[in-house]
Amino acid sequence: MKKLIIFILCTMLNAAAFANDVVRIIVPVGPGATVDELARIVAPALSKHLNKTVIVENKPGGSGIVAMENVASATPDGLTLIMTNNGLTNIAPILQPNIGYTSSSFTSVGVVGVSPLVLVVSSQNTTNNLKELTEGIKKGNKASWASSSVGTAPHLLGEIYKDTLSLDIVNVMYKTFTQAMIDVSENRVTMLFDTPNSKILGLIDTNKMKPIAVTSKQRLAELPNVPTVSEQGFSFLTASVWFGLAVPSTTPQPITTSLVTAMTAVLKDQEVKEKLKKAGMEQSPASPSDSQKYIDSERERWGTILKKSKVKLD
């Protein structure tokens, strides 16, 4: 009985704190990445529906893992959220079992959207498709791919491409995707897998980057002339990523429910929908209330992919 009373009192205190204080959305990487763009799209609308101030804080470090660890152990009062993705939530704990969190350390309050990736090279690069890129690497062309976080889809697709075809490619890790995009556009790094966000599309539109494949099952409306990986004979690279908000799994249910309700309203907001579309997002296959089940199923799917590919971190 005593433990029950303490639990109820703690829940009430947390709920009171949530009702009055500022909500922080932690972005586990620096500015320029898709998770950062999405957090800044969602924050104003979430502020409106929660009727409280919502701010975005960039906390880069350790390929995003430092922020994930910090949020996992944060006070579970609903005031600290993290904008995460399948790489950080589902994949990193599989590849790095000694990090300070697991997938079950978090509870989803809503998947903001899902997105395939586009493989881009510099417009200075003579490669026009995946076949040419692969043949060039096999002939001895020096090649590298950019990524910013260990275990994310942009990192893992490079690893899977490299390992499946036994290619000699170097991974160049960046603190921010902004610098990665610059180096790829200037042909200092060969290629980059990324979501078709506004920055990538802008670099494509200004002829600084050249898209050579998309990882979706069908061609993208934004890039109708770019063939899919399957069309080019590389179906093992077919993949999509999810992005969403989460809180520590110890957060009391009443607070989690309030956040889920707010996110449900946010994702129905027409202005938010339009901004997410421009950021390369497709509508989430799961409502906020069902998002945790979807995330769990994606963890199983990527676990199977990793097992088949035999990708391991050095």
Foldseek 3Di string as FASTA:
>chain_A
DVVVVVVVVLLVVLQVCLLDDEAEEEEAFDPDALLNLLCVLLQVLLCVLSVHHYYYDYHYDQQSLVVVLDQLPDDQSLRYKYKDKLQNQQFVCVQPVPRNDHNLQKDFLWWLFKFWKWKKAALVDPDQAPVSVVVCQVVPDAAEEEDAHPRDLFVVLVLLVCQVSVGDYYYDYDRHVVVRVVCRLVRVHGITIGFCFLVVLVCVVVRSMHTHEIQAPADDPSCNPHYHCVVVPNNLSRDMMIIGMIGGNPRDPVSSVSSSVSVQVSSVDPSSVVNCVNGRGDHDPDRSVCVRVVSVVVSVVVVVSCVVSVDHDD
